Protein backbone atom coordinates (compact mmCIF):
# COMPACT_ATOMS: atom_id res chain seq x y z
CA MET A 1 0.00 0.00 0.00
CA ARG A 2 1.28 3.45 -0.89
CA LEU A 3 0.69 6.20 1.67
CA ASP A 4 1.34 9.78 0.61
CA THR A 5 3.00 12.37 2.76
CA VAL A 6 1.03 15.51 3.37
CA THR A 7 2.08 19.08 2.76
CA TYR A 8 0.22 22.15 3.95
CA PRO A 9 0.30 25.48 2.11
CA ASP A 10 0.18 27.54 5.30
CA PRO A 11 3.69 27.80 6.84
CA GLN A 12 2.43 27.84 10.46
CA VAL A 13 0.35 24.72 9.90
CA SER A 14 3.21 23.02 8.08
CA GLN A 15 5.66 23.82 10.89
CA PHE A 16 3.27 22.70 13.65
CA VAL A 17 2.49 19.44 11.88
CA SER A 18 6.15 18.68 11.16
CA GLU A 19 7.08 19.33 14.81
CA HIS A 20 4.34 17.19 16.36
CA PHE A 21 3.02 14.61 13.92
CA ILE A 22 3.84 12.19 11.18
CA PRO A 23 1.15 13.13 8.68
CA VAL A 24 -0.13 10.47 6.32
CA LYS A 25 -2.63 10.97 3.54
CA VAL A 26 -4.85 8.04 2.61
CA ASN A 27 -7.47 8.14 -0.10
CA ILE A 28 -10.27 6.04 1.40
CA LYS A 29 -11.69 5.40 -2.07
CA ASP A 30 -8.45 3.58 -2.88
CA HIS A 31 -8.22 1.96 0.58
CA PRO A 32 -11.79 1.41 1.85
CA GLU A 33 -10.49 -1.05 4.45
CA LEU A 34 -8.71 1.82 6.22
CA GLY A 35 -11.79 4.01 6.03
CA LYS A 36 -13.78 1.20 7.62
CA ALA A 37 -11.10 0.37 10.21
CA TYR A 38 -10.89 4.00 11.36
CA HIS A 39 -14.61 4.78 10.95
CA ILE A 40 -13.98 7.53 8.43
CA HIS A 41 -17.18 8.63 6.72
CA ALA A 42 -16.17 12.03 5.39
CA ALA A 43 -13.09 13.56 3.88
CA PRO A 44 -10.97 15.12 5.04
CA THR A 45 -10.84 13.50 8.46
CA MET A 46 -7.89 14.07 10.76
CA VAL A 47 -7.20 11.24 13.18
CA ILE A 48 -4.57 11.68 15.86
CA LEU A 49 -3.29 8.29 16.90
CA ASP A 50 -0.23 6.27 17.67
CA ASP A 51 0.49 2.62 16.94
CA LYS A 52 -2.21 1.44 19.33
CA ASP A 53 -4.57 4.22 20.40
CA GLU A 54 -6.72 6.86 18.78
CA TYR A 55 -6.77 10.08 20.77
CA TYR A 56 -8.71 12.63 18.77
CA ARG A 57 -10.40 13.26 15.43
CA PHE A 58 -12.10 16.01 13.49
CA SER A 59 -13.46 16.35 9.99
CA GLY A 60 -13.83 18.98 7.33
CA PHE A 61 -11.78 21.70 5.70
CA LEU A 62 -10.82 24.48 8.09
CA PRO A 63 -8.95 27.76 7.67
CA PRO A 64 -5.37 27.57 9.02
CA GLN A 65 -6.01 29.21 12.41
CA ASP A 66 -8.99 26.94 13.11
CA PHE A 67 -7.07 23.89 11.91
CA LEU A 68 -4.19 24.74 14.25
CA ALA A 69 -6.61 25.15 17.16
CA TYR A 70 -8.05 21.66 16.68
CA LEU A 71 -4.61 20.13 16.11
CA THR A 72 -3.50 21.75 19.39
CA ILE A 73 -6.51 20.31 21.21
CA GLY A 74 -5.88 16.87 19.72
CA LEU A 75 -2.22 16.93 20.68
CA ALA A 76 -3.12 18.03 24.21
CA VAL A 77 -5.69 15.24 24.57
CA ALA A 78 -3.06 12.74 23.45
CA ASP A 79 -0.47 14.23 25.83
CA CYS A 80 -2.91 14.07 28.73
CA ASP A 81 -3.80 10.44 27.99
CA ARG A 82 -0.07 9.63 27.97
CA GLY A 83 0.42 11.31 31.36
CA LYS A 84 2.14 14.40 29.92
CA TYR A 85 -0.10 16.75 31.85
CA ALA A 86 2.22 19.77 31.96
CA GLU A 87 2.58 19.73 28.16
CA ALA A 88 -1.18 19.40 27.67
CA ILE A 89 -1.94 22.18 30.16
CA GLY A 90 0.65 24.51 28.64
CA ALA A 91 -0.65 24.05 25.09
CA LEU A 92 -4.28 24.49 26.12
CA GLU A 93 -3.50 27.56 28.23
CA ARG A 94 -1.76 29.18 25.27
CA LEU A 95 -4.75 28.39 23.06
CA VAL A 96 -7.43 29.78 25.40
CA ASP A 97 -5.30 32.85 26.18
CA GLN A 98 -4.97 33.85 22.52
CA ASP A 99 -8.70 33.44 21.78
CA ASP A 100 -8.68 36.18 19.09
CA GLY A 101 -10.05 34.62 15.93
CA ILE A 102 -10.32 31.11 17.36
CA PRO A 103 -13.78 29.54 16.85
CA ILE A 104 -15.96 29.57 19.95
CA ASP A 105 -16.44 25.81 19.73
CA ALA A 106 -12.67 25.28 19.78
CA LEU A 107 -12.20 27.65 22.72
CA ALA A 108 -14.96 25.91 24.65
CA GLU A 109 -13.53 22.48 23.90
CA ALA A 110 -10.02 23.62 24.83
CA ARG A 111 -11.31 25.01 28.14
CA TYR A 112 -13.05 21.69 28.86
CA TRP A 113 -9.89 19.66 28.18
CA LEU A 114 -7.80 22.13 30.18
CA GLY A 115 -9.94 21.47 33.23
CA ARG A 116 -9.79 17.75 32.60
CA ALA A 117 -5.99 17.85 32.29
CA ARG A 118 -5.71 19.71 35.60
CA PHE A 119 -8.01 17.13 37.22
CA LYS A 120 -6.03 14.20 35.82
CA GLN A 121 -2.74 15.80 36.86
CA THR A 122 -3.82 16.31 40.47
CA GLY A 123 -6.51 13.66 40.97
CA ASP A 124 -8.62 16.44 42.49
CA ARG A 125 -11.76 17.65 40.72
CA GLN A 126 -11.36 21.01 42.46
CA ALA A 127 -8.40 21.71 40.17
CA ALA A 128 -10.72 21.62 37.14
CA LEU A 129 -13.44 23.85 38.55
CA PRO A 130 -11.94 27.27 37.70
CA ASP A 131 -11.57 26.34 34.03
CA TRP A 132 -14.96 24.71 33.87
CA LYS A 133 -16.57 27.73 35.56
CA VAL A 134 -15.06 29.99 32.87
CA LEU A 135 -16.34 27.54 30.26
CA VAL A 136 -19.90 27.70 31.60
CA GLU A 137 -19.83 31.49 31.96
CA ARG A 138 -18.29 32.33 28.57
CA TYR A 139 -19.71 29.59 26.36
CA PRO A 140 -22.95 28.47 28.05
CA GLN A 141 -24.68 27.25 24.90
CA THR A 142 -21.90 24.91 23.81
CA SER A 143 -22.09 21.18 24.37
CA TRP A 144 -18.79 21.45 26.26
CA ALA A 145 -20.31 23.80 28.85
CA LYS A 146 -23.36 21.60 29.22
CA ARG A 147 -21.12 18.68 30.20
CA VAL A 148 -19.97 20.45 33.35
CA ALA A 149 -22.78 22.97 34.07
CA TYR A 150 -24.32 20.65 36.67
CA LEU A 151 -21.29 21.32 38.88
CA PHE A 152 -22.37 24.95 39.28
CA GLU A 153 -26.11 24.61 39.79
């Protein structure tokens, strides 16, 4: 099977991807078994995984800044699942702090995962509450806020 390498026209995206991932492009029309194995129903679909675990996925074409936001979230989720809490927290803090031009859904999701990373790092749910409170206050209509809103009722 031939797998193509991926190049990105935006230099920031290209640099981020080359620093953190090994990108592989698979045409699921040519390799339907991979589409089925990874439950890919739309193209493009980005799947962040290693040799044994899938950590994160998202689909659709996105402008560079949005694409970088979701790649950052995916990398942070993977880092957190691997016990690299400081790396996950740092990346998510940088993302939520820059919020200019980042989609609200991405900011809400990043805030959710930031709280979760703090909780996993400490084992104490109290560590997540400040981030989740900001999530509920700033992005109350998002599905991410609804996941933790019960904590503040």
